[in-house]
Amino acid sequence: MDNTQFPQYPEPEEEKQPFVILDDDLAEWALKRIKEAEDEHTRLIALADKEQEKLDERRKYFDYQLERDTGFLKAALADYMRRVPCKSTKTQDSYQLLSGKLVRRKAGVEYEANAEALAKWLNENGREDLVKVTVAPRWGDLKKLLTGDTESGAVTIASTGEVVEGVKAVENPEKFSIKFN
């Protein structure tokens, strides 16, 4: 191998000037290009959504086929399990076979709670020990009183100059958007 040869790099191209909009005609052209791209994006998303609907329908059909092809066998296995001695725990019965395990979960109670109504009932019945209380600042009200320095991050209450702990001032960058007619 010859170490005296170095890879050949292409000559640097002329530096391209950045694209700059200099007048209303070019600005209009740019808006039209953006609108065309957004319209094409919308069209393609609608097309993808239609295709997804078709795929969802096929999936439902495959689920139906599986149930149709295996439902009878599952019911027969459940019936068989009722006739053989099973290993039993508080929550389930099971029966081991070579290719898998049959499991029948015993019926139980599930609870669906309305948190607001339940908390009210617990408070009314002297069971505050079972109520979780969450303390949170009223951010919208507090924010109206604040002033901040993005360089230091310090935040104070504007009327008093009192430093507020737990809040940091950060610069919110300028955003540019386009609204089409």
N, C-alpha and C. Protein backbone atom coordinates (compact mmCIF):
# COMPACT_ATOMS: atom_id res chain seq x y z
N MET A 1 0.85 -1.18 0.00
CA MET A 1 0.00 0.00 0.00
C MET A 1 0.89 1.24 0.00
N ASP A 2 0.56 2.17 -0.84
CA ASP A 2 1.37 3.37 -1.01
C ASP A 2 0.83 4.47 -0.09
N ASN A 3 1.62 4.88 0.92
CA ASN A 3 1.18 5.90 1.88
C ASN A 3 1.38 7.31 1.36
N THR A 4 1.96 7.45 0.20
CA THR A 4 2.22 8.79 -0.30
C THR A 4 1.00 9.38 -1.00
N GLN A 5 0.00 8.55 -1.29
CA GLN A 5 -1.20 9.08 -1.96
C GLN A 5 -2.23 9.49 -0.91
N PHE A 6 -2.80 10.63 -1.11
CA PHE A 6 -3.85 11.14 -0.23
C PHE A 6 -5.14 11.22 -1.02
N PRO A 7 -6.25 11.10 -0.36
CA PRO A 7 -7.51 11.19 -1.11
C PRO A 7 -7.65 12.57 -1.76
N GLN A 8 -8.24 12.55 -2.91
CA GLN A 8 -8.46 13.79 -3.63
C GLN A 8 -9.82 14.37 -3.21
N TYR A 9 -9.80 15.60 -2.75
CA TYR A 9 -11.04 16.28 -2.38
C TYR A 9 -11.42 17.23 -3.50
N PRO A 10 -12.71 17.36 -3.75
CA PRO A 10 -13.12 18.28 -4.82
C PRO A 10 -12.79 19.72 -4.44
N GLU A 11 -12.60 20.51 -5.46
CA GLU A 11 -12.34 21.93 -5.23
C GLU A 11 -13.57 22.55 -4.59
N PRO A 12 -13.37 23.49 -3.68
CA PRO A 12 -14.53 24.13 -3.05
C PRO A 12 -15.36 24.86 -4.09
N GLU A 13 -16.68 24.68 -3.97
CA GLU A 13 -17.58 25.36 -4.91
C GLU A 13 -17.70 26.82 -4.50
N GLU A 14 -18.24 27.60 -5.42
CA GLU A 14 -18.48 29.00 -5.09
C GLU A 14 -19.49 29.03 -3.95
N GLU A 15 -19.25 29.92 -3.01
CA GLU A 15 -20.16 30.03 -1.87
C GLU A 15 -21.48 30.60 -2.37
N LYS A 16 -22.57 29.87 -2.06
CA LYS A 16 -23.89 30.31 -2.50
C LYS A 16 -24.40 31.39 -1.57
N GLN A 17 -25.04 32.35 -2.15
CA GLN A 17 -25.61 33.43 -1.36
C GLN A 17 -26.93 32.95 -0.75
N PRO A 18 -27.23 33.34 0.48
CA PRO A 18 -28.50 32.92 1.09
C PRO A 18 -29.67 33.56 0.36
N PHE A 19 -30.78 32.85 0.38
CA PHE A 19 -31.99 33.35 -0.26
C PHE A 19 -32.56 34.49 0.57
N VAL A 20 -32.82 35.62 -0.07
CA VAL A 20 -33.33 36.79 0.62
C VAL A 20 -34.52 37.32 -0.17
N ILE A 21 -35.60 37.62 0.53
CA ILE A 21 -36.76 38.23 -0.11
C ILE A 21 -36.57 39.73 -0.08
N LEU A 22 -36.56 40.33 -1.28
CA LEU A 22 -36.24 41.75 -1.39
C LEU A 22 -37.42 42.64 -1.75
N ASP A 23 -38.53 42.04 -2.21
CA ASP A 23 -39.67 42.87 -2.58
C ASP A 23 -40.97 42.10 -2.42
N ASP A 24 -42.10 42.79 -2.60
CA ASP A 24 -43.42 42.19 -2.41
C ASP A 24 -43.68 41.05 -3.40
N ASP A 25 -43.18 41.18 -4.62
CA ASP A 25 -43.40 40.12 -5.61
C ASP A 25 -42.77 38.81 -5.16
N LEU A 26 -41.56 38.88 -4.65
CA LEU A 26 -40.88 37.68 -4.17
C LEU A 26 -41.55 37.15 -2.90
N ALA A 27 -42.03 38.06 -2.05
CA ALA A 27 -42.75 37.65 -0.84
C ALA A 27 -44.03 36.92 -1.23
N GLU A 28 -44.75 37.43 -2.22
CA GLU A 28 -45.97 36.76 -2.71
C GLU A 28 -45.64 35.38 -3.27
N TRP A 29 -44.56 35.30 -4.04
CA TRP A 29 -44.13 34.01 -4.59
C TRP A 29 -43.88 33.02 -3.46
N ALA A 30 -43.17 33.48 -2.39
CA ALA A 30 -42.85 32.60 -1.26
C ALA A 30 -44.12 32.14 -0.56
N LEU A 31 -45.07 33.05 -0.36
CA LEU A 31 -46.35 32.66 0.27
C LEU A 31 -47.07 31.61 -0.56
N LYS A 32 -47.08 31.79 -1.88
CA LYS A 32 -47.75 30.81 -2.75
C LYS A 32 -47.08 29.45 -2.67
N ARG A 33 -45.74 29.43 -2.63
CA ARG A 33 -45.01 28.16 -2.51
C ARG A 33 -45.34 27.46 -1.19
N ILE A 34 -45.39 28.23 -0.10
CA ILE A 34 -45.73 27.66 1.21
C ILE A 34 -47.15 27.12 1.19
N LYS A 35 -48.08 27.88 0.63
CA LYS A 35 -49.48 27.45 0.55
C LYS A 35 -49.61 26.17 -0.27
N GLU A 36 -48.90 26.09 -1.40
CA GLU A 36 -48.93 24.87 -2.22
C GLU A 36 -48.40 23.68 -1.43
N ALA A 37 -47.31 23.87 -0.70
CA ALA A 37 -46.73 22.78 0.08
C ALA A 37 -47.69 22.35 1.19
N GLU A 38 -48.33 23.32 1.86
CA GLU A 38 -49.30 22.97 2.90
C GLU A 38 -50.52 22.26 2.33
N ASP A 39 -50.99 22.71 1.17
CA ASP A 39 -52.12 22.04 0.52
C ASP A 39 -51.77 20.60 0.15
N GLU A 40 -50.57 20.40 -0.36
CA GLU A 40 -50.11 19.06 -0.73
C GLU A 40 -50.00 18.18 0.52
N HIS A 41 -49.49 18.77 1.58
CA HIS A 41 -49.39 18.05 2.87
C HIS A 41 -50.79 17.62 3.33
N THR A 42 -51.74 18.53 3.28
CA THR A 42 -53.12 18.24 3.70
C THR A 42 -53.71 17.12 2.84
N ARG A 43 -53.47 17.19 1.53
CA ARG A 43 -53.98 16.17 0.62
C ARG A 43 -53.40 14.80 0.97
N LEU A 44 -52.08 14.76 1.20
CA LEU A 44 -51.43 13.49 1.50
C LEU A 44 -51.87 12.93 2.85
N ILE A 45 -52.07 13.79 3.83
CA ILE A 45 -52.55 13.34 5.14
C ILE A 45 -53.96 12.76 5.00
N ALA A 46 -54.83 13.41 4.22
CA ALA A 46 -56.18 12.89 4.00
C ALA A 46 -56.12 11.52 3.32
N LEU A 47 -55.22 11.38 2.37
CA LEU A 47 -55.04 10.11 1.67
C LEU A 47 -54.56 9.03 2.66
N ALA A 48 -53.61 9.39 3.50
CA ALA A 48 -53.10 8.44 4.51
C ALA A 48 -54.20 8.06 5.49
N ASP A 49 -55.03 9.04 5.88
CA ASP A 49 -56.14 8.75 6.80
C ASP A 49 -57.12 7.77 6.18
N LYS A 50 -57.43 7.93 4.88
CA LYS A 50 -58.32 7.00 4.19
C LYS A 50 -57.72 5.59 4.18
N GLU A 51 -56.43 5.55 3.89
CA GLU A 51 -55.74 4.25 3.86
C GLU A 51 -55.75 3.61 5.24
N GLN A 52 -55.57 4.43 6.28
CA GLN A 52 -55.60 3.91 7.65
C GLN A 52 -56.98 3.35 7.98
N GLU A 53 -58.05 4.01 7.52
CA GLU A 53 -59.41 3.50 7.74
C GLU A 53 -59.56 2.11 7.11
N LYS A 54 -59.03 1.96 5.90
CA LYS A 54 -59.10 0.66 5.23
C LYS A 54 -58.33 -0.40 6.04
N LEU A 55 -57.14 -0.02 6.52
CA LEU A 55 -56.35 -0.95 7.32
C LEU A 55 -57.05 -1.31 8.62
N ASP A 56 -57.70 -0.33 9.25
CA ASP A 56 -58.44 -0.61 10.48
C ASP A 56 -59.59 -1.58 10.22
N GLU A 57 -60.27 -1.42 9.09
CA GLU A 57 -61.35 -2.34 8.74
C GLU A 57 -60.81 -3.75 8.52
N ARG A 58 -59.66 -3.85 7.85
CA ARG A 58 -59.05 -5.18 7.64
C ARG A 58 -58.67 -5.81 8.96
N ARG A 59 -58.14 -5.00 9.87
CA ARG A 59 -57.77 -5.52 11.19
C ARG A 59 -59.00 -6.06 11.92
N LYS A 60 -60.10 -5.31 11.86
CA LYS A 60 -61.35 -5.78 12.50
C LYS A 60 -61.77 -7.12 11.88
N TYR A 61 -61.63 -7.23 10.57
CA TYR A 61 -62.00 -8.48 9.91
C TYR A 61 -61.09 -9.62 10.37
N PHE A 62 -59.79 -9.35 10.51
CA PHE A 62 -58.87 -10.39 10.97
C PHE A 62 -59.21 -10.80 12.41
N ASP A 63 -59.56 -9.83 13.26
CA ASP A 63 -59.98 -10.15 14.63
C ASP A 63 -61.23 -11.03 14.60
N TYR A 64 -62.18 -10.68 13.72
CA TYR A 64 -63.40 -11.47 13.59
C TYR A 64 -63.06 -12.90 13.15
N GLN A 65 -62.15 -13.02 12.16
CA GLN A 65 -61.74 -14.35 11.68
C GLN A 65 -61.13 -15.18 12.80
N LEU A 66 -60.28 -14.57 13.60
CA LEU A 66 -59.65 -15.28 14.70
C LEU A 66 -60.70 -15.78 15.68
N GLU A 67 -61.63 -14.93 16.04
CA GLU A 67 -62.69 -15.33 16.98
C GLU A 67 -63.54 -16.45 16.37
N ARG A 68 -63.86 -16.32 15.10
CA ARG A 68 -64.66 -17.34 14.41
C ARG A 68 -63.93 -18.69 14.38
N ASP A 69 -62.61 -18.64 14.13
CA ASP A 69 -61.84 -19.87 13.99
C ASP A 69 -61.45 -20.50 15.33
N THR A 70 -61.40 -19.71 16.40
CA THR A 70 -60.91 -20.25 17.68
C THR A 70 -61.94 -20.20 18.81
N GLY A 71 -63.01 -19.47 18.64
CA GLY A 71 -63.99 -19.32 19.71
C GLY A 71 -64.55 -20.64 20.21
N PHE A 72 -64.92 -21.52 19.29
CA PHE A 72 -65.48 -22.83 19.66
C PHE A 72 -64.45 -23.64 20.44
N LEU A 73 -63.19 -23.63 19.99
CA LEU A 73 -62.15 -24.40 20.67
C LEU A 73 -61.88 -23.84 22.08
N LYS A 74 -61.89 -22.53 22.23
CA LYS A 74 -61.69 -21.94 23.56
C LYS A 74 -62.83 -22.33 24.49
N ALA A 75 -64.05 -22.31 23.98
CA ALA A 75 -65.20 -22.70 24.80
C ALA A 75 -65.09 -24.17 25.20
N ALA A 76 -64.64 -25.02 24.27
CA ALA A 76 -64.49 -26.44 24.58
C ALA A 76 -63.40 -26.66 25.63
N LEU A 77 -62.30 -25.89 25.56
CA LEU A 77 -61.24 -26.01 26.57
C LEU A 77 -61.72 -25.53 27.94
N ALA A 78 -62.53 -24.47 27.98
CA ALA A 78 -63.08 -23.98 29.24
C ALA A 78 -63.99 -25.04 29.86
N ASP A 79 -64.78 -25.70 29.02
CA ASP A 79 -65.65 -26.77 29.51
C ASP A 79 -64.82 -27.94 30.02
N TYR A 80 -63.76 -28.30 29.29
CA TYR A 80 -62.87 -29.39 29.70
C TYR A 80 -62.24 -29.07 31.06
N MET A 81 -61.84 -27.81 31.24
CA MET A 81 -61.19 -27.41 32.48
C MET A 81 -62.11 -27.58 33.69
N ARG A 82 -63.42 -27.44 33.48
CA ARG A 82 -64.37 -27.64 34.58
C ARG A 82 -64.45 -29.10 35.02
N ARG A 83 -64.00 -30.02 34.14
CA ARG A 83 -64.11 -31.45 34.44
C ARG A 83 -62.82 -32.09 34.93
N VAL A 84 -61.72 -31.36 34.97
CA VAL A 84 -60.45 -31.94 35.42
C VAL A 84 -60.02 -31.27 36.72
N PRO A 85 -59.20 -31.97 37.53
CA PRO A 85 -58.73 -31.36 38.78
C PRO A 85 -57.70 -30.25 38.48
N CYS A 86 -57.99 -29.05 38.96
CA CYS A 86 -57.14 -27.89 38.68
C CYS A 86 -56.40 -27.45 39.93
N LYS A 87 -55.28 -26.79 39.70
CA LYS A 87 -54.56 -26.13 40.79
C LYS A 87 -55.33 -24.84 41.07
N SER A 88 -55.65 -24.60 42.32
CA SER A 88 -56.52 -23.49 42.65
C SER A 88 -55.87 -22.55 43.65
N THR A 89 -55.98 -21.25 43.39
CA THR A 89 -55.55 -20.22 44.34
C THR A 89 -56.77 -19.36 44.64
N LYS A 90 -56.58 -18.33 45.43
CA LYS A 90 -57.69 -17.46 45.81
C LYS A 90 -58.29 -16.75 44.58
N THR A 91 -57.45 -16.43 43.60
CA THR A 91 -57.92 -15.63 42.47
C THR A 91 -58.11 -16.41 41.18
N GLN A 92 -57.52 -17.62 41.05
CA GLN A 92 -57.63 -18.33 39.77
C GLN A 92 -57.47 -19.83 39.92
N ASP A 93 -57.95 -20.53 38.88
CA ASP A 93 -57.72 -21.97 38.74
C ASP A 93 -56.85 -22.14 37.51
N SER A 94 -55.95 -23.15 37.53
CA SER A 94 -55.12 -23.38 36.36
C SER A 94 -54.91 -24.88 36.15
N TYR A 95 -54.65 -25.21 34.89
CA TYR A 95 -54.41 -26.60 34.50
C TYR A 95 -53.31 -26.61 33.45
N GLN A 96 -52.19 -27.25 33.77
CA GLN A 96 -51.02 -27.25 32.90
C GLN A 96 -51.11 -28.37 31.87
N LEU A 97 -50.82 -28.04 30.63
CA LEU A 97 -50.69 -29.01 29.54
C LEU A 97 -49.29 -28.84 28.94
N LEU A 98 -48.91 -29.67 28.01
CA LEU A 98 -47.58 -29.56 27.40
C LEU A 98 -47.42 -28.28 26.58
N SER A 99 -48.44 -27.91 25.84
CA SER A 99 -48.33 -26.75 24.94
C SER A 99 -48.77 -25.45 25.58
N GLY A 100 -49.25 -25.47 26.80
CA GLY A 100 -49.69 -24.24 27.43
C GLY A 100 -50.44 -24.51 28.71
N LYS A 101 -50.96 -23.45 29.27
CA LYS A 101 -51.68 -23.53 30.54
C LYS A 101 -53.07 -22.95 30.37
N LEU A 102 -54.05 -23.67 30.88
CA LEU A 102 -55.42 -23.16 30.90
C LEU A 102 -55.60 -22.40 32.21
N VAL A 103 -56.13 -21.19 32.15
CA VAL A 103 -56.30 -20.37 33.34
C VAL A 103 -57.71 -19.81 33.35
N ARG A 104 -58.37 -19.98 34.50
CA ARG A 104 -59.70 -19.39 34.69
C ARG A 104 -59.60 -18.46 35.89
N ARG A 105 -59.70 -17.17 35.64
CA ARG A 105 -59.65 -16.18 36.72
C ARG A 105 -61.02 -16.15 37.38
N LYS A 106 -61.02 -16.24 38.69
CA LYS A 106 -62.27 -16.25 39.44
C LYS A 106 -62.91 -14.87 39.43
N ALA A 107 -64.23 -14.85 39.49
CA ALA A 107 -64.96 -13.60 39.51
C ALA A 107 -64.59 -12.82 40.76
N GLY A 108 -64.54 -11.53 40.65
CA GLY A 108 -64.20 -10.68 41.78
C GLY A 108 -64.92 -9.35 41.67
N VAL A 109 -64.58 -8.47 42.54
CA VAL A 109 -65.20 -7.15 42.57
C VAL A 109 -64.19 -6.12 42.09
N GLU A 110 -64.63 -5.25 41.21
CA GLU A 110 -63.83 -4.11 40.78
C GLU A 110 -64.55 -2.86 41.22
N TYR A 111 -63.81 -1.79 41.44
CA TYR A 111 -64.41 -0.55 41.91
C TYR A 111 -64.15 0.57 40.91
N GLU A 112 -65.17 1.33 40.61
CA GLU A 112 -65.05 2.53 39.79
C GLU A 112 -65.43 3.69 40.68
N ALA A 113 -64.52 4.62 40.88
CA ALA A 113 -64.75 5.71 41.82
C ALA A 113 -64.87 7.05 41.12
N ASN A 114 -65.81 7.86 41.59
CA ASN A 114 -65.91 9.26 41.21
C ASN A 114 -65.12 10.01 42.27
N ALA A 115 -63.92 10.46 41.96
CA ALA A 115 -62.98 11.02 42.94
C ALA A 115 -63.59 12.19 43.69
N GLU A 116 -64.28 13.07 42.99
CA GLU A 116 -64.86 14.25 43.63
C GLU A 116 -65.93 13.88 44.65
N ALA A 117 -66.86 13.02 44.24
CA ALA A 117 -67.94 12.60 45.14
C ALA A 117 -67.40 11.80 46.32
N LEU A 118 -66.42 10.95 46.04
CA LEU A 118 -65.84 10.13 47.10
C LEU A 118 -65.10 10.99 48.12
N ALA A 119 -64.33 11.98 47.65
CA ALA A 119 -63.61 12.87 48.57
C ALA A 119 -64.61 13.63 49.44
N LYS A 120 -65.69 14.08 48.86
CA LYS A 120 -66.73 14.80 49.62
C LYS A 120 -67.31 13.89 50.69
N TRP A 121 -67.64 12.66 50.32
CA TRP A 121 -68.22 11.71 51.28
C TRP A 121 -67.25 11.41 52.42
N LEU A 122 -65.97 11.20 52.08
CA LEU A 122 -64.97 10.91 53.10
C LEU A 122 -64.83 12.07 54.08
N ASN A 123 -64.81 13.31 53.56
CA ASN A 123 -64.71 14.48 54.43
C ASN A 123 -65.93 14.61 55.33
N GLU A 124 -67.12 14.39 54.77
CA GLU A 124 -68.36 14.48 55.54
C GLU A 124 -68.45 13.41 56.62
N ASN A 125 -67.78 12.30 56.43
CA ASN A 125 -67.87 11.19 57.37
C ASN A 125 -66.62 11.04 58.24
N GLY A 126 -65.85 12.11 58.35
CA GLY A 126 -64.72 12.13 59.26
C GLY A 126 -63.56 11.24 58.85
N ARG A 127 -63.40 10.96 57.58
CA ARG A 127 -62.30 10.11 57.11
C ARG A 127 -61.32 10.91 56.27
N GLU A 128 -60.93 12.08 56.80
CA GLU A 128 -59.96 12.94 56.11
C GLU A 128 -58.63 12.24 55.92
N ASP A 129 -58.35 11.22 56.77
CA ASP A 129 -57.11 10.47 56.64
C ASP A 129 -57.02 9.71 55.32
N LEU A 130 -58.15 9.54 54.64
CA LEU A 130 -58.18 8.83 53.36
C LEU A 130 -58.29 9.80 52.17
N VAL A 131 -58.15 11.10 52.45
CA VAL A 131 -58.25 12.10 51.39
C VAL A 131 -56.87 12.70 51.15
N LYS A 132 -56.45 12.72 49.88
CA LYS A 132 -55.17 13.34 49.51
C LYS A 132 -55.44 14.78 49.11
N VAL A 133 -54.76 15.70 49.75
CA VAL A 133 -54.93 17.12 49.45
C VAL A 133 -53.72 17.58 48.64
N THR A 134 -53.98 18.21 47.51
CA THR A 134 -52.91 18.72 46.66
C THR A 134 -52.90 20.23 46.73
N VAL A 135 -51.74 20.80 47.05
CA VAL A 135 -51.59 22.25 47.10
C VAL A 135 -50.82 22.67 45.86
N ALA A 136 -51.37 23.65 45.12
CA ALA A 136 -50.73 24.13 43.90
C ALA A 136 -50.92 25.63 43.80
N PRO A 137 -49.94 26.34 43.25
CA PRO A 137 -50.09 27.79 43.10
C PRO A 137 -51.16 28.11 42.06
N ARG A 138 -51.82 29.26 42.25
CA ARG A 138 -52.74 29.77 41.24
C ARG A 138 -51.89 30.55 40.25
N TRP A 139 -51.30 29.82 39.32
CA TRP A 139 -50.28 30.34 38.41
C TRP A 139 -50.79 31.52 37.59
N GLY A 140 -51.99 31.43 37.07
CA GLY A 140 -52.52 32.51 36.24
C GLY A 140 -52.59 33.82 36.99
N ASP A 141 -53.03 33.78 38.26
CA ASP A 141 -53.11 34.99 39.06
C ASP A 141 -51.72 35.51 39.43
N LEU A 142 -50.83 34.60 39.83
CA LEU A 142 -49.48 34.99 40.23
C LEU A 142 -48.72 35.60 39.06
N LYS A 143 -48.85 35.01 37.89
CA LYS A 143 -48.08 35.44 36.71
C LYS A 143 -48.34 36.91 36.38
N LYS A 144 -49.56 37.38 36.64
CA LYS A 144 -49.91 38.77 36.36
C LYS A 144 -49.13 39.74 37.24
N LEU A 145 -48.65 39.27 38.40
CA LEU A 145 -47.95 40.13 39.36
C LEU A 145 -46.44 40.16 39.15
N LEU A 146 -45.92 39.30 38.29
CA LEU A 146 -44.47 39.09 38.20
C LEU A 146 -43.79 39.97 37.16
N THR A 147 -42.52 40.18 37.41
CA THR A 147 -41.62 40.77 36.42
C THR A 147 -40.32 39.98 36.52
N GLY A 148 -39.64 39.82 35.38
CA GLY A 148 -38.44 38.98 35.41
C GLY A 148 -37.32 39.53 34.57
N ASP A 149 -36.11 39.09 34.90
CA ASP A 149 -34.90 39.46 34.17
C ASP A 149 -34.36 38.18 33.53
N THR A 150 -34.41 38.11 32.19
CA THR A 150 -33.99 36.87 31.52
C THR A 150 -32.49 36.65 31.59
N GLU A 151 -31.69 37.70 31.79
CA GLU A 151 -30.24 37.50 31.88
C GLU A 151 -29.86 36.77 33.17
N SER A 152 -30.43 37.21 34.29
CA SER A 152 -30.10 36.58 35.58
C SER A 152 -31.08 35.46 35.93
N GLY A 153 -32.27 35.51 35.32
CA GLY A 153 -33.30 34.52 35.63
C GLY A 153 -34.13 34.91 36.84
N ALA A 154 -33.80 36.05 37.48
CA ALA A 154 -34.50 36.48 38.69
C ALA A 154 -35.93 36.91 38.38
N VAL A 155 -36.84 36.55 39.29
CA VAL A 155 -38.25 36.91 39.15
C VAL A 155 -38.67 37.60 40.44
N THR A 156 -39.37 38.74 40.28
CA THR A 156 -39.84 39.48 41.46
C THR A 156 -41.31 39.83 41.28
N ILE A 157 -41.95 40.15 42.41
CA ILE A 157 -43.31 40.70 42.35
C ILE A 157 -43.12 42.17 42.01
N ALA A 158 -43.73 42.61 40.92
CA ALA A 158 -43.48 43.94 40.38
C ALA A 158 -43.78 45.05 41.38
N SER A 159 -44.85 44.95 42.13
CA SER A 159 -45.25 46.04 43.03
C SER A 159 -44.38 46.16 44.27
N THR A 160 -43.77 45.06 44.72
CA THR A 160 -43.01 45.09 45.97
C THR A 160 -41.52 44.86 45.78
N GLY A 161 -41.11 44.27 44.67
CA GLY A 161 -39.71 43.94 44.45
C GLY A 161 -39.29 42.67 45.16
N GLU A 162 -40.22 41.98 45.79
CA GLU A 162 -39.93 40.75 46.52
C GLU A 162 -39.54 39.65 45.54
N VAL A 163 -38.41 38.98 45.82
CA VAL A 163 -37.90 37.91 44.96
C VAL A 163 -38.77 36.67 45.16
N VAL A 164 -39.21 36.08 44.06
CA VAL A 164 -40.06 34.89 44.10
C VAL A 164 -39.19 33.67 43.85
N GLU A 165 -39.18 32.76 44.80
CA GLU A 165 -38.40 31.52 44.67
C GLU A 165 -39.22 30.49 43.91
N GLY A 166 -38.54 29.62 43.19
CA GLY A 166 -39.23 28.55 42.47
C GLY A 166 -39.67 28.95 41.07
N VAL A 167 -39.33 30.14 40.64
CA VAL A 167 -39.68 30.60 39.29
C VAL A 167 -38.43 31.20 38.68
N LYS A 168 -38.19 30.93 37.42
CA LYS A 168 -37.03 31.46 36.71
C LYS A 168 -37.52 32.15 35.44
N ALA A 169 -36.96 33.29 35.14
CA ALA A 169 -37.30 34.03 33.92
C ALA A 169 -36.43 33.52 32.78
N VAL A 170 -37.05 33.08 31.71
CA VAL A 170 -36.31 32.63 30.53
C VAL A 170 -36.87 33.36 29.31
N GLU A 171 -36.01 33.60 28.35
CA GLU A 171 -36.42 34.34 27.16
C GLU A 171 -37.30 33.47 26.28
N ASN A 172 -38.41 34.03 25.87
CA ASN A 172 -39.33 33.36 24.96
C ASN A 172 -38.99 33.87 23.57
N PRO A 173 -38.45 33.02 22.69
CA PRO A 173 -38.00 33.51 21.38
C PRO A 173 -39.16 34.00 20.52
N GLU A 174 -38.84 34.90 19.64
CA GLU A 174 -39.80 35.41 18.69
C GLU A 174 -40.28 34.29 17.79
N LYS A 175 -41.57 34.30 17.46
CA LYS A 175 -42.11 33.28 16.57
C LYS A 175 -42.71 33.96 15.35
N PHE A 176 -42.55 33.32 14.24
CA PHE A 176 -43.08 33.84 12.99
C PHE A 176 -44.13 32.87 12.49
N SER A 177 -45.26 33.37 12.02
CA SER A 177 -46.29 32.50 11.46
C SER A 177 -46.91 33.17 10.25
N ILE A 178 -47.62 32.38 9.49
CA ILE A 178 -48.29 32.86 8.29
C ILE A 178 -49.76 32.49 8.40
N LYS A 179 -50.63 33.42 8.09
CA LYS A 179 -52.06 33.14 8.08
C LYS A 179 -52.55 33.39 6.66
N PHE A 180 -53.18 32.36 6.10
CA PHE A 180 -53.68 32.48 4.73
C PHE A 180 -55.12 32.94 4.74
N ASN A 181 -55.50 33.68 3.69
CA ASN A 181 -56.87 34.15 3.54
C ASN A 181 -57.77 33.05 3.05
